[in-house]
Amino acid sequence: MTHYQVPLYKDVSARWTCQVELENAVYGVYISWNTRAAGWFMELRDATGTPLLSGIRLEPGVLLINRYRVTVPGLPIGDFWVMDTENAPATATLSFANLGERFLLVYTYQETI
């Protein structure tokens, strides 16, 4: 199992993007804070900038893109999830202030042999 930590820049802005290479393909990951929903949301784009998924709420311990795999072509083979570095589900509440500190956005995939 291989893990990749997605760079988070929340100390710079409540909205940012980064390019990540996953299984030899480039994807754009867009992260933004929604004040009304009081949550962080992710959009995933392909290398040409075409949106694949949008409006994905970041939630600790939840596989974020797996449920869309059947209906959305072009998704990476692994999945994104929000890791709680304290491993304390009872207090795992993601907020504006703790993304990138207590909570990390991680991409995980199983390497084929």
Protein backbone atom coordinates (compact mmCIF):
# COMPACT_ATOMS: atom_id res chain seq x y z
CA MET A 1 0.00 0.00 0.00
CA THR A 2 1.42 3.37 -1.01
CA HIS A 3 0.46 6.68 0.61
CA TYR A 4 0.88 10.20 -0.75
CA GLN A 5 0.21 13.25 1.41
CA VAL A 6 -1.49 15.99 -0.61
CA PRO A 7 0.06 19.42 0.07
CA LEU A 8 -2.24 21.71 2.06
CA TYR A 9 -1.88 25.50 1.99
CA LYS A 10 -4.66 26.68 4.30
CA ASP A 11 -2.33 29.08 6.10
CA VAL A 12 -2.12 31.03 2.83
CA SER A 13 -5.76 30.96 1.74
CA ALA A 14 -9.16 29.36 2.30
CA ARG A 15 -8.99 28.15 -1.32
CA TRP A 16 -6.08 26.70 -3.28
CA THR A 17 -5.06 24.18 -5.90
CA CYS A 18 -2.15 21.84 -6.42
CA GLN A 19 -1.07 19.43 -9.11
CA VAL A 20 -0.36 15.86 -8.02
CA GLU A 21 0.99 12.90 -9.95
CA LEU A 22 -0.87 9.70 -9.14
CA GLU A 23 -0.08 6.45 -10.99
CA ASN A 24 1.74 8.34 -13.78
CA ALA A 25 -1.15 10.73 -14.42
CA VAL A 26 -1.45 14.37 -13.35
CA TYR A 27 -4.52 15.58 -11.47
CA GLY A 28 -5.53 18.96 -10.15
CA VAL A 29 -6.76 18.96 -6.56
CA TYR A 30 -8.76 22.01 -5.55
CA ILE A 31 -9.51 22.55 -1.86
CA SER A 32 -11.79 25.25 -0.49
CA TRP A 33 -13.44 26.23 2.78
CA ASN A 34 -17.21 26.77 2.61
CA THR A 35 -18.26 29.09 5.44
CA ARG A 36 -21.97 28.39 5.11
CA ALA A 37 -21.46 24.60 5.27
CA ALA A 38 -18.61 25.00 7.80
CA GLY A 39 -16.50 22.46 5.95
CA TRP A 40 -13.63 21.83 3.57
CA PHE A 41 -14.51 20.63 0.05
CA MET A 42 -12.45 19.06 -2.73
CA GLU A 43 -12.66 19.13 -6.51
CA LEU A 44 -10.63 16.73 -8.64
CA ARG A 45 -9.67 17.63 -12.24
CA ASP A 46 -7.82 15.73 -14.93
CA ALA A 47 -4.59 16.93 -16.56
CA THR A 48 -6.49 19.15 -19.02
CA GLY A 49 -8.37 20.91 -16.22
CA THR A 50 -11.67 19.13 -16.86
CA PRO A 51 -13.54 18.55 -13.57
CA LEU A 52 -13.98 14.89 -12.70
CA LEU A 53 -15.60 15.38 -9.27
CA SER A 54 -16.60 18.45 -7.34
CA GLY A 55 -18.31 19.24 -4.05
CA ILE A 56 -16.66 16.37 -2.19
CA ARG A 57 -16.81 17.21 1.52
CA LEU A 58 -13.66 16.27 3.41
CA GLU A 59 -14.57 14.00 6.32
CA PRO A 60 -12.13 12.11 8.56
CA GLY A 61 -11.82 8.38 7.87
CA VAL A 62 -14.11 8.36 4.80
CA LEU A 63 -13.03 7.16 1.35
CA LEU A 64 -13.79 10.24 -0.72
CA ILE A 65 -13.96 9.09 -4.36
CA ASN A 66 -14.59 5.34 -4.29
CA ARG A 67 -18.40 5.69 -4.44
CA TYR A 68 -18.10 7.54 -7.78
CA ARG A 69 -15.78 5.07 -9.49
CA VAL A 70 -18.52 3.25 -11.45
CA THR A 71 -20.08 6.41 -12.91
CA VAL A 72 -17.07 8.71 -13.39
CA PRO A 73 -14.38 7.61 -15.88
CA GLY A 74 -10.81 8.80 -15.48
CA LEU A 75 -10.55 8.63 -11.69
CA PRO A 76 -7.24 7.45 -10.20
CA ILE A 77 -7.22 3.82 -9.04
CA GLY A 78 -6.65 4.70 -5.38
CA ASP A 79 -8.65 6.91 -3.05
CA PHE A 80 -8.36 10.08 -1.01
CA TRP A 81 -9.17 10.20 2.68
CA VAL A 82 -8.68 12.56 5.60
CA MET A 83 -6.34 11.07 8.19
CA ASP A 84 -6.69 12.02 11.85
CA THR A 85 -3.11 12.17 13.15
CA GLU A 86 -4.39 11.78 16.72
CA ASN A 87 -6.38 8.65 15.79
CA ALA A 88 -9.20 9.77 18.10
CA PRO A 89 -12.54 9.23 16.31
CA ALA A 90 -14.57 10.51 19.27
CA THR A 91 -13.08 14.01 18.82
CA ALA A 92 -12.42 13.90 15.06
CA THR A 93 -14.10 17.13 14.01
CA LEU A 94 -12.52 18.79 10.99
CA SER A 95 -12.51 22.59 11.19
CA PHE A 96 -11.00 25.52 9.34
CA ALA A 97 -8.11 25.67 11.81
CA ASN A 98 -7.05 22.01 12.02
CA LEU A 99 -6.77 20.89 8.37
CA GLY A 100 -3.07 20.42 7.70
CA GLU A 101 -2.29 20.09 11.40
CA ARG A 102 -4.37 17.39 13.08
CA PHE A 103 -6.00 16.30 9.80
CA LEU A 104 -4.10 15.48 6.60
CA LEU A 105 -5.39 14.75 3.10
CA VAL A 106 -3.87 11.47 1.97
CA TYR A 107 -4.07 9.48 -1.27
CA THR A 108 -3.66 5.70 -0.91
CA TYR A 109 -3.41 2.97 -3.51
CA GLN A 110 -2.47 -0.68 -3.71
CA GLU A 111 0.52 -1.27 -5.94
CA THR A 112 0.18 -4.11 -8.41
CA ILE A 113 2.89 -6.71 -8.67
